[in-house]
């Protein structure tokens, strides 16, 4: 059997490999590439054929890691075309140093998955009305804008909306524009939910990144609070994306792979058929 394997590199197409074992789209595999070995993903189309006959190499092995979802691959294909980025580079955004991470012992995920505590936060009538509208529209893909002045209680409203999603067994992503906001925001989160969220940005250690990456693809971690790059994490059951301060220019990545994380969040939500909530005091021109 022949399979198209995309490598996390500058290539814009998958390479064809043979395998004796049955594979499905999204599976992680190890393949020979030149004199070295690389990790690749079974993609959704083959390398473009030509008239010359080439010897097709065999896949070395399938990795024991849950496969990437078809929706994620569709998003990466679209992301590649929209942002004029090779597909291999788009895949690289999902992987850590070009590699997937195998599952850790369950004890490494325990801090992130305590039960949601009952809290005593009381919503105003206006907050209740807003929350009700959000909950109604949070059944499938929908872009909901939550606008309110600073200090008006927007955070509590979308925390309540996220709680409903988590109670149904889904995962949530809260995106923040600045790394410096995460510590203060994490304290708010723990006060409300009673458990520790996974924090994702360029400043966290490699070990923590590996734990979070593997925890998400194995559905062992519920919530990520992160910067731009958190959008490309391999969520297994993503149920809601929240973009806080959606007007902030920091969501624009202007070096390396160039993209606007706010716009890409809406796109990923569309491919996942889940809601995305844009939170702001002063909406961006696009919104």
C-alpha atoms as a PDB file:
ATOM      1  CA  UNK A   1       0.000   0.000   0.000  1.00  0.00           C
ATOM      2  CA  UNK A   2       1.199   3.500  -0.792  1.00  0.00           C
ATOM      3  CA  UNK A   3       0.693   6.463   1.519  1.00  0.00           C
ATOM      4  CA  UNK A   4       1.331  10.215   1.167  1.00  0.00           C
ATOM      5  CA  UNK A   5       3.559  11.392   4.056  1.00  0.00           C
ATOM      6  CA  UNK A   6       4.030  15.100   4.777  1.00  0.00           C
ATOM      7  CA  UNK A   7       7.240  16.054   6.568  1.00  0.00           C
ATOM      8  CA  UNK A   8       7.540  19.119   8.840  1.00  0.00           C
ATOM      9  CA  UNK A   9       9.866  21.016   6.538  1.00  0.00           C
ATOM     10  CA  UNK A  10       9.810  23.519   3.674  1.00  0.00           C
ATOM     11  CA  UNK A  11       8.111  21.068   1.292  1.00  0.00           C
ATOM     12  CA  UNK A  12       4.694  21.956  -0.092  1.00  0.00           C
ATOM     13  CA  UNK A  13       3.666  18.389  -0.905  1.00  0.00           C
ATOM     14  CA  UNK A  14       3.741  14.967   0.756  1.00  0.00           C
ATOM     15  CA  UNK A  15       6.117  12.200  -0.354  1.00  0.00           C
ATOM     16  CA  UNK A  16       4.929   8.723  -1.305  1.00  0.00           C
ATOM     17  CA  UNK A  17       6.005   5.794   0.883  1.00  0.00           C
ATOM     18  CA  UNK A  18       5.003   2.143   1.022  1.00  0.00           C
ATOM     19  CA  UNK A  19       3.807   0.288   4.096  1.00  0.00           C
ATOM     20  CA  UNK A  20       2.673  -3.238   4.926  1.00  0.00           C
ATOM     21  CA  UNK A  21       0.491  -1.998   7.788  1.00  0.00           C
ATOM     22  CA  UNK A  22      -2.820  -0.215   7.369  1.00  0.00           C
ATOM     23  CA  UNK A  23      -2.587   3.506   8.123  1.00  0.00           C
ATOM     24  CA  UNK A  24      -5.141   6.286   8.225  1.00  0.00           C
ATOM     25  CA  UNK A  25      -4.976  10.009   7.568  1.00  0.00           C
ATOM     26  CA  UNK A  26      -3.361  11.842  10.490  1.00  0.00           C
ATOM     27  CA  UNK A  27      -1.202   8.955  11.739  1.00  0.00           C
ATOM     28  CA  UNK A  28       2.365   9.746  12.830  1.00  0.00           C
ATOM     29  CA  UNK A  29       5.059   7.630  11.179  1.00  0.00           C
ATOM     30  CA  UNK A  30       8.837   7.421  11.021  1.00  0.00           C
ATOM     31  CA  UNK A  31      10.252   7.347   7.492  1.00  0.00           C
ATOM     32  CA  UNK A  32      13.690   7.279   5.837  1.00  0.00           C
ATOM     33  CA  UNK A  33      14.621  10.588   4.225  1.00  0.00           C
ATOM     34  CA  UNK A  34      17.980  10.686   2.490  1.00  0.00           C
ATOM     35  CA  UNK A  35      20.520   9.272   4.946  1.00  0.00           C
ATOM     36  CA  UNK A  36      18.456  10.236   7.985  1.00  0.00           C
ATOM     37  CA  UNK A  37      15.080   9.422   9.502  1.00  0.00           C
ATOM     38  CA  UNK A  38      12.203  11.871   9.929  1.00  0.00           C
ATOM     39  CA  UNK A  39       8.787  11.937  11.551  1.00  0.00           C
ATOM     40  CA  UNK A  40       5.922  12.609   9.184  1.00  0.00           C
ATOM     41  CA  UNK A  41       2.131  12.551   9.070  1.00  0.00           C
ATOM     42  CA  UNK A  42      -0.119  10.606   6.706  1.00  0.00           C
ATOM     43  CA  UNK A  43      -1.684  13.382   4.625  1.00  0.00           C
ATOM     44  CA  UNK A  44      -4.745  13.611   2.432  1.00  0.00           C
ATOM     45  CA  UNK A  45      -3.259  13.666  -1.078  1.00  0.00           C
ATOM     46  CA  UNK A  46      -0.311  12.166  -2.948  1.00  0.00           C
ATOM     47  CA  UNK A  47       2.820  13.743  -4.331  1.00  0.00           C
ATOM     48  CA  UNK A  48       2.260  14.910  -7.898  1.00  0.00           C
ATOM     49  CA  UNK A  49       3.171  12.130 -10.301  1.00  0.00           C
ATOM     50  CA  UNK A  50       5.521  12.363 -13.258  1.00  0.00           C
ATOM     51  CA  UNK A  51       6.459   9.922 -15.997  1.00  0.00           C
ATOM     52  CA  UNK A  52       9.674   8.719 -14.363  1.00  0.00           C
ATOM     53  CA  UNK A  53       9.717   5.606 -12.223  1.00  0.00           C
ATOM     54  CA  UNK A  54      11.292   5.947  -8.792  1.00  0.00           C
ATOM     55  CA  UNK A  55      11.931   3.381  -6.122  1.00  0.00           C
ATOM     56  CA  UNK A  56       9.451   3.976  -3.291  1.00  0.00           C
ATOM     57  CA  UNK A  57      10.897   3.628   0.201  1.00  0.00           C
ATOM     58  CA  UNK A  58       9.096   1.877   3.046  1.00  0.00           C
ATOM     59  CA  UNK A  59       7.722   3.455   6.195  1.00  0.00           C
ATOM     60  CA  UNK A  60       9.868   2.360   9.156  1.00  0.00           C
ATOM     61  CA  UNK A  61       7.129   2.310  11.796  1.00  0.00           C
ATOM     62  CA  UNK A  62       3.919   3.879  13.016  1.00  0.00           C
ATOM     63  CA  UNK A  63       4.283   5.871  16.238  1.00  0.00           C
ATOM     64  CA  UNK A  64       2.005   5.069  19.179  1.00  0.00           C
ATOM     65  CA  UNK A  65       0.523   8.567  19.298  1.00  0.00           C
ATOM     66  CA  UNK A  66      -3.124   9.463  18.587  1.00  0.00           C
ATOM     67  CA  UNK A  67      -3.515  10.670  15.014  1.00  0.00           C
ATOM     68  CA  UNK A  68      -4.143  14.294  14.086  1.00  0.00           C
ATOM     69  CA  UNK A  69      -7.819  14.960  13.375  1.00  0.00           C
ATOM     70  CA  UNK A  70      -8.947  15.355   9.757  1.00  0.00           C
ATOM     71  CA  UNK A  71     -10.352  18.778  10.690  1.00  0.00           C
ATOM     72  CA  UNK A  72      -6.879  19.845  11.855  1.00  0.00           C
ATOM     73  CA  UNK A  73      -5.320  18.704   8.581  1.00  0.00           C
ATOM     74  CA  UNK A  74      -7.973  20.561   6.595  1.00  0.00           C
ATOM     75  CA  UNK A  75      -7.221  23.697   8.610  1.00  0.00           C
ATOM     76  CA  UNK A  76      -3.476  23.332   7.959  1.00  0.00           C
ATOM     77  CA  UNK A  77      -4.064  22.870   4.219  1.00  0.00           C
ATOM     78  CA  UNK A  78      -6.179  26.032   4.178  1.00  0.00           C
ATOM     79  CA  UNK A  79      -3.699  27.916   6.399  1.00  0.00           C
ATOM     80  CA  UNK A  80      -0.908  27.006   3.988  1.00  0.00           C
ATOM     81  CA  UNK A  81      -2.736  28.358   0.937  1.00  0.00           C
ATOM     82  CA  UNK A  82      -4.147  31.470   2.622  1.00  0.00           C
ATOM     83  CA  UNK A  83      -0.840  32.583   4.163  1.00  0.00           C
ATOM     84  CA  UNK A  84       1.360  31.408   1.243  1.00  0.00           C
ATOM     85  CA  UNK A  85       3.276  28.990   3.483  1.00  0.00           C
ATOM     86  CA  UNK A  86       4.542  25.509   2.444  1.00  0.00           C
ATOM     87  CA  UNK A  87       2.368  22.751   3.899  1.00  0.00           C
ATOM     88  CA  UNK A  88       5.383  21.261   5.645  1.00  0.00           C
ATOM     89  CA  UNK A  89       5.982  24.556   7.468  1.00  0.00           C
ATOM     90  CA  UNK A  90       2.318  24.660   8.505  1.00  0.00           C
ATOM     91  CA  UNK A  91       2.681  21.130   9.931  1.00  0.00           C
ATOM     92  CA  UNK A  92       5.835  22.201  11.766  1.00  0.00           C
ATOM     93  CA  UNK A  93       3.762  24.762  13.716  1.00  0.00           C
ATOM     94  CA  UNK A  94       1.821  21.839  15.221  1.00  0.00           C
ATOM     95  CA  UNK A  95       4.877  19.798  16.235  1.00  0.00           C
ATOM     96  CA  UNK A  96       7.600  20.502  18.799  1.00  0.00           C
ATOM     97  CA  UNK A  97      10.959  20.816  17.029  1.00  0.00           C
ATOM     98  CA  UNK A  98       9.426  18.817  14.198  1.00  0.00           C
ATOM     99  CA  UNK A  99       8.534  15.880  16.456  1.00  0.00           C
ATOM    100  CA  UNK A 100       5.384  14.577  18.174  1.00  0.00           C
ATOM    101  CA  UNK A 101       5.585  13.574  21.847  1.00  0.00           C
ATOM    102  CA  UNK A 102       4.536  10.197  23.223  1.00  0.00           C
ATOM    103  CA  UNK A 103       2.226   9.982  26.224  1.00  0.00           C
ATOM    104  CA  UNK A 104       3.582  10.632  29.722  1.00  0.00           C
ATOM    105  CA  UNK A 105       2.497   8.892  32.912  1.00  0.00           C
ATOM    106  CA  UNK A 106      -0.907  10.128  34.126  1.00  0.00           C
ATOM    107  CA  UNK A 107       0.660  11.773  37.187  1.00  0.00           C
ATOM    108  CA  UNK A 108       2.103  14.506  34.937  1.00  0.00           C
ATOM    109  CA  UNK A 109      -1.409  15.605  33.945  1.00  0.00           C
ATOM    110  CA  UNK A 110      -3.065  15.501  37.380  1.00  0.00           C
ATOM    111  CA  UNK A 111      -2.594  19.202  38.180  1.00  0.00           C
ATOM    112  CA  UNK A 112      -4.470  20.230  35.033  1.00  0.00           C
ATOM    113  CA  UNK A 113      -7.587  18.127  35.452  1.00  0.00           C
ATOM    114  CA  UNK A 114      -9.139  18.595  38.855  1.00  0.00           C
ATOM    115  CA  UNK A 115     -12.907  18.880  38.905  1.00  0.00           C
ATOM    116  CA  UNK A 116     -14.511  22.268  38.373  1.00  0.00           C
ATOM    117  CA  UNK A 117     -15.365  23.722  41.758  1.00  0.00           C
ATOM    118  CA  UNK A 118     -18.688  25.304  42.620  1.00  0.00           C
ATOM    119  CA  UNK A 119     -18.143  29.044  42.874  1.00  0.00           C
ATOM    120  CA  UNK A 120     -20.105  31.871  44.419  1.00  0.00           C
ATOM    121  CA  UNK A 121     -19.782  34.433  41.641  1.00  0.00           C
ATOM    122  CA  UNK A 122     -23.110  36.141  41.024  1.00  0.00           C
ATOM    123  CA  UNK A 123     -23.871  37.589  37.624  1.00  0.00           C
ATOM    124  CA  UNK A 124     -25.766  40.822  37.036  1.00  0.00           C
ATOM    125  CA  UNK A 125     -28.922  40.736  34.936  1.00  0.00           C
ATOM    126  CA  UNK A 126     -27.007  42.083  31.944  1.00  0.00           C
ATOM    127  CA  UNK A 127     -24.303  39.433  32.356  1.00  0.00           C
ATOM    128  CA  UNK A 128     -26.937  36.697  32.621  1.00  0.00           C
ATOM    129  CA  UNK A 129     -28.641  37.911  29.448  1.00  0.00           C
ATOM    130  CA  UNK A 130     -25.311  38.006  27.591  1.00  0.00           C
ATOM    131  CA  UNK A 131     -24.318  34.556  28.849  1.00  0.00           C
ATOM    132  CA  UNK A 132     -27.635  33.124  27.714  1.00  0.00           C
ATOM    133  CA  UNK A 133     -27.099  34.494  24.197  1.00  0.00           C
ATOM    134  CA  UNK A 134     -23.573  33.055  24.095  1.00  0.00           C
ATOM    135  CA  UNK A 135     -24.719  29.624  25.311  1.00  0.00           C
ATOM    136  CA  UNK A 136     -27.436  29.482  22.647  1.00  0.00           C
ATOM    137  CA  UNK A 137     -24.917  30.264  19.895  1.00  0.00           C
ATOM    138  CA  UNK A 138     -22.225  27.936  21.309  1.00  0.00           C
ATOM    139  CA  UNK A 139     -23.743  24.797  19.779  1.00  0.00           C
ATOM    140  CA  UNK A 140     -21.758  24.949  16.501  1.00  0.00           C
ATOM    141  CA  UNK A 141     -19.485  27.310  14.573  1.00  0.00           C
ATOM    142  CA  UNK A 142     -20.384  30.876  15.414  1.00  0.00           C
ATOM    143  CA  UNK A 143     -18.394  34.064  15.917  1.00  0.00           C
ATOM    144  CA  UNK A 144     -19.680  35.813  19.035  1.00  0.00           C
ATOM    145  CA  UNK A 145     -18.340  39.266  19.949  1.00  0.00           C
ATOM    146  CA  UNK A 146     -18.453  40.136  23.655  1.00  0.00           C
ATOM    147  CA  UNK A 147     -17.895  43.871  23.983  1.00  0.00           C
ATOM    148  CA  UNK A 148     -17.716  45.724  27.292  1.00  0.00           C
ATOM    149  CA  UNK A 149     -15.686  48.403  28.998  1.00  0.00           C
ATOM    150  CA  UNK A 150     -12.681  47.414  31.096  1.00  0.00           C
ATOM    151  CA  UNK A 151     -13.869  46.086  34.465  1.00  0.00           C
ATOM    152  CA  UNK A 152     -17.407  45.349  33.266  1.00  0.00           C
ATOM    153  CA  UNK A 153     -17.111  41.609  34.006  1.00  0.00           C
ATOM    154  CA  UNK A 154     -16.529  40.167  30.528  1.00  0.00           C
ATOM    155  CA  UNK A 155     -14.117  37.564  31.925  1.00  0.00           C
ATOM    156  CA  UNK A 156     -16.686  36.063  34.308  1.00  0.00           C
ATOM    157  CA  UNK A 157     -19.205  35.808  31.475  1.00  0.00           C
ATOM    158  CA  UNK A 158     -16.930  33.840  29.167  1.00  0.00           C
ATOM    159  CA  UNK A 159     -15.632  31.740  32.086  1.00  0.00           C
ATOM    160  CA  UNK A 160     -19.250  30.665  32.658  1.00  0.00           C
ATOM    161  CA  UNK A 161     -19.631  29.911  28.938  1.00  0.00           C
ATOM    162  CA  UNK A 162     -16.400  27.878  28.983  1.00  0.00           C
ATOM    163  CA  UNK A 163     -17.586  25.968  32.062  1.00  0.00           C
ATOM    164  CA  UNK A 164     -20.601  24.690  30.095  1.00  0.00           C
ATOM    165  CA  UNK A 165     -18.305  23.467  27.335  1.00  0.00           C
ATOM    166  CA  UNK A 166     -15.954  21.723  29.778  1.00  0.00           C
ATOM    167  CA  UNK A 167     -18.849  20.021  31.558  1.00  0.00           C
ATOM    168  CA  UNK A 168     -19.756  18.387  28.231  1.00  0.00           C
ATOM    169  CA  UNK A 169     -16.275  16.824  28.054  1.00  0.00           C
ATOM    170  CA  UNK A 170     -14.689  19.210  25.555  1.00  0.00           C
ATOM    171  CA  UNK A 171     -11.442  21.172  25.705  1.00  0.00           C
ATOM    172  CA  UNK A 172     -11.088  24.961  25.669  1.00  0.00           C
ATOM    173  CA  UNK A 173      -8.493  27.431  24.390  1.00  0.00           C
ATOM    174  CA  UNK A 174      -8.145  30.977  25.765  1.00  0.00           C
ATOM    175  CA  UNK A 175      -5.798  33.127  23.707  1.00  0.00           C
ATOM    176  CA  UNK A 176      -4.106  36.194  25.190  1.00  0.00           C
ATOM    177  CA  UNK A 177      -2.110  38.769  23.186  1.00  0.00           C
ATOM    178  CA  UNK A 178       0.812  39.169  25.620  1.00  0.00           C
ATOM    179  CA  UNK A 179       2.910  36.666  27.572  1.00  0.00           C
ATOM    180  CA  UNK A 180       3.012  39.099  30.518  1.00  0.00           C
ATOM    181  CA  UNK A 181      -0.756  38.760  31.025  1.00  0.00           C
ATOM    182  CA  UNK A 182      -0.721  35.008  31.632  1.00  0.00           C
ATOM    183  CA  UNK A 183       0.328  34.934  35.318  1.00  0.00           C
ATOM    184  CA  UNK A 184      -2.338  37.376  36.453  1.00  0.00           C
ATOM    185  CA  UNK A 185      -4.913  35.677  34.248  1.00  0.00           C
ATOM    186  CA  UNK A 186      -3.981  32.212  35.559  1.00  0.00           C
ATOM    187  CA  UNK A 187      -4.786  33.368  39.107  1.00  0.00           C
ATOM    188  CA  UNK A 188      -8.244  34.530  37.975  1.00  0.00           C
ATOM    189  CA  UNK A 189      -8.799  31.205  36.245  1.00  0.00           C
ATOM    190  CA  UNK A 190      -7.822  29.125  39.278  1.00  0.00           C
ATOM    191  CA  UNK A 191     -10.012  31.222  41.538  1.00  0.00           C
ATOM    192  CA  UNK A 192     -13.014  30.570  39.306  1.00  0.00           C
ATOM    193  CA  UNK A 193     -12.504  26.964  38.169  1.00  0.00           C
ATOM    194  CA  UNK A 194     -10.439  25.561  41.042  1.00  0.00           C
ATOM    195  CA  UNK A 195      -7.840  23.824  38.878  1.00  0.00           C
ATOM    196  CA  UNK A 196      -4.656  24.730  37.040  1.00  0.00           C
ATOM    197  CA  UNK A 197      -4.811  25.554  33.305  1.00  0.00           C
ATOM    198  CA  UNK A 198      -1.987  24.671  30.946  1.00  0.00           C
ATOM    199  CA  UNK A 199       0.024  27.801  30.119  1.00  0.00           C
ATOM    200  CA  UNK A 200       1.551  27.959  26.631  1.00  0.00           C
ATOM    201  CA  UNK A 201       3.992  30.569  25.333  1.00  0.00           C
ATOM    202  CA  UNK A 202       7.630  30.876  24.252  1.00  0.00           C
ATOM    203  CA  UNK A 203       8.827  31.317  27.842  1.00  0.00           C
ATOM    204  CA  UNK A 204       7.790  27.927  29.252  1.00  0.00           C
ATOM    205  CA  UNK A 205      10.270  25.040  29.502  1.00  0.00           C
ATOM    206  CA  UNK A 206      10.677  22.352  26.868  1.00  0.00           C
ATOM    207  CA  UNK A 207       9.565  19.684  29.374  1.00  0.00           C
ATOM    208  CA  UNK A 208       6.312  21.539  30.135  1.00  0.00           C
ATOM    209  CA  UNK A 209       5.650  22.004  26.438  1.00  0.00           C
ATOM    210  CA  UNK A 210       6.048  18.261  25.902  1.00  0.00           C
ATOM    211  CA  UNK A 211       3.656  17.469  28.764  1.00  0.00           C
ATOM    212  CA  UNK A 212       1.042  19.911  27.468  1.00  0.00           C
ATOM    213  CA  UNK A 213       1.362  18.767  23.845  1.00  0.00           C
ATOM    214  CA  UNK A 214       0.950  15.098  24.725  1.00  0.00           C
ATOM    215  CA  UNK A 215      -1.798  15.876  27.261  1.00  0.00           C
ATOM    216  CA  UNK A 216      -3.896  17.657  24.638  1.00  0.00           C
ATOM    217  CA  UNK A 217      -3.616  15.044  21.889  1.00  0.00           C
ATOM    218  CA  UNK A 218      -4.453  12.319  24.452  1.00  0.00           C
ATOM    219  CA  UNK A 219      -7.368  14.371  25.874  1.00  0.00           C
ATOM    220  CA  UNK A 220      -5.724  14.495  29.312  1.00  0.00           C
ATOM    221  CA  UNK A 221      -5.672  18.319  29.597  1.00  0.00           C
ATOM    222  CA  UNK A 222      -8.828  20.429  29.498  1.00  0.00           C
ATOM    223  CA  UNK A 223      -7.832  24.083  29.112  1.00  0.00           C
ATOM    224  CA  UNK A 224      -4.935  25.973  27.560  1.00  0.00           C
ATOM    225  CA  UNK A 225      -4.228  29.658  28.142  1.00  0.00           C
ATOM    226  CA  UNK A 226      -1.737  30.726  25.540  1.00  0.00           C
ATOM    227  CA  UNK A 227      -0.220  33.167  23.098  1.00  0.00           C
ATOM    228  CA  UNK A 228      -0.473  33.001  19.285  1.00  0.00           C
ATOM    229  CA  UNK A 229       1.234  29.626  18.866  1.00  0.00           C
ATOM    230  CA  UNK A 230      -1.277  27.862  21.147  1.00  0.00           C
ATOM    231  CA  UNK A 231      -3.729  27.937  18.235  1.00  0.00           C
ATOM    232  CA  UNK A 232      -1.771  25.148  16.526  1.00  0.00           C
ATOM    233  CA  UNK A 233      -1.773  22.703  19.445  1.00  0.00           C
ATOM    234  CA  UNK A 234      -3.201  19.226  18.651  1.00  0.00           C
ATOM    235  CA  UNK A 235      -6.459  19.379  20.632  1.00  0.00           C
ATOM    236  CA  UNK A 236      -8.340  16.081  20.630  1.00  0.00           C
ATOM    237  CA  UNK A 237     -11.801  17.480  21.509  1.00  0.00           C
ATOM    238  CA  UNK A 238     -11.636  21.243  21.130  1.00  0.00           C
ATOM    239  CA  UNK A 239     -15.009  22.765  21.995  1.00  0.00           C
ATOM    240  CA  UNK A 240     -14.451  26.537  22.281  1.00  0.00           C
ATOM    241  CA  UNK A 241     -11.860  29.160  21.308  1.00  0.00           C
ATOM    242  CA  UNK A 242     -11.796  32.466  23.206  1.00  0.00           C
ATOM    243  CA  UNK A 243      -9.724  35.351  21.832  1.00  0.00           C
ATOM    244  CA  UNK A 244      -9.300  37.908  24.628  1.00  0.00           C
ATOM    245  CA  UNK A 245      -8.432  41.503  23.643  1.00  0.00           C
ATOM    246  CA  UNK A 246      -9.151  40.523  20.044  1.00  0.00           C
ATOM    247  CA  UNK A 247      -8.262  44.019  18.808  1.00  0.00           C
ATOM    248  CA  UNK A 248      -4.661  43.762  20.030  1.00  0.00           C
ATOM    249  CA  UNK A 249      -1.999  44.052  17.302  1.00  0.00           C
ATOM    250  CA  UNK A 250       0.149  41.457  19.104  1.00  0.00           C
ATOM    251  CA  UNK A 251      -1.947  38.721  17.487  1.00  0.00           C
ATOM    252  CA  UNK A 252      -0.154  39.496  14.228  1.00  0.00           C
ATOM    253  CA  UNK A 253       2.928  37.340  13.722  1.00  0.00           C
ATOM    254  CA  UNK A 254       5.254  39.378  11.516  1.00  0.00           C
ATOM    255  CA  UNK A 255       8.368  37.206  11.307  1.00  0.00           C
ATOM    256  CA  UNK A 256       8.963  33.645  10.133  1.00  0.00           C
ATOM    257  CA  UNK A 257       5.544  32.258   9.228  1.00  0.00           C
ATOM    258  CA  UNK A 258       3.396  35.402   8.957  1.00  0.00           C
ATOM    259  CA  UNK A 259      -0.259  35.217  10.039  1.00  0.00           C
ATOM    260  CA  UNK A 260      -2.901  36.936  12.164  1.00  0.00           C
ATOM    261  CA  UNK A 261      -3.776  34.591  15.045  1.00  0.00           C
ATOM    262  CA  UNK A 262      -7.145  36.273  15.612  1.00  0.00           C
ATOM    263  CA  UNK A 263      -8.231  35.547  12.031  1.00  0.00           C
ATOM    264  CA  UNK A 264      -6.734  32.062  12.109  1.00  0.00           C
ATOM    265  CA  UNK A 265      -8.647  31.329  15.347  1.00  0.00           C
ATOM    266  CA  UNK A 266     -11.909  32.064  13.529  1.00  0.00           C
ATOM    267  CA  UNK A 267     -10.801  29.841  10.665  1.00  0.00           C
ATOM    268  CA  UNK A 268      -9.824  26.927  12.919  1.00  0.00           C
ATOM    269  CA  UNK A 269     -13.147  27.205  14.744  1.00  0.00           C
ATOM    270  CA  UNK A 270     -14.881  27.028  11.359  1.00  0.00           C
ATOM    271  CA  UNK A 271     -13.064  23.816  10.388  1.00  0.00           C
ATOM    272  CA  UNK A 272     -13.757  22.306  13.839  1.00  0.00           C
ATOM    273  CA  UNK A 273     -17.404  23.495  13.677  1.00  0.00           C
ATOM    274  CA  UNK A 274     -17.112  25.023  17.144  1.00  0.00           C
ATOM    275  CA  UNK A 275     -17.824  28.540  18.475  1.00  0.00           C
ATOM    276  CA  UNK A 276     -15.220  31.276  18.797  1.00  0.00           C
ATOM    277  CA  UNK A 277     -15.761  34.186  21.195  1.00  0.00           C
ATOM    278  CA  UNK A 278     -13.995  37.490  20.518  1.00  0.00           C
ATOM    279  CA  UNK A 279     -13.607  39.543  23.703  1.00  0.00           C
ATOM    280  CA  UNK A 280     -12.862  43.268  23.546  1.00  0.00           C
ATOM    281  CA  UNK A 281     -13.486  46.727  24.964  1.00  0.00           C
ATOM    282  CA  UNK A 282     -12.750  48.377  21.612  1.00  0.00           C
ATOM    283  CA  UNK A 283     -13.466  46.049  18.658  1.00  0.00           C
ATOM    284  CA  UNK A 284     -10.971  45.860  15.815  1.00  0.00           C
ATOM    285  CA  UNK A 285     -11.942  47.438  12.489  1.00  0.00           C
ATOM    286  CA  UNK A 286     -12.458  43.953  11.009  1.00  0.00           C
ATOM    287  CA  UNK A 287     -14.857  42.983  13.789  1.00  0.00           C
END
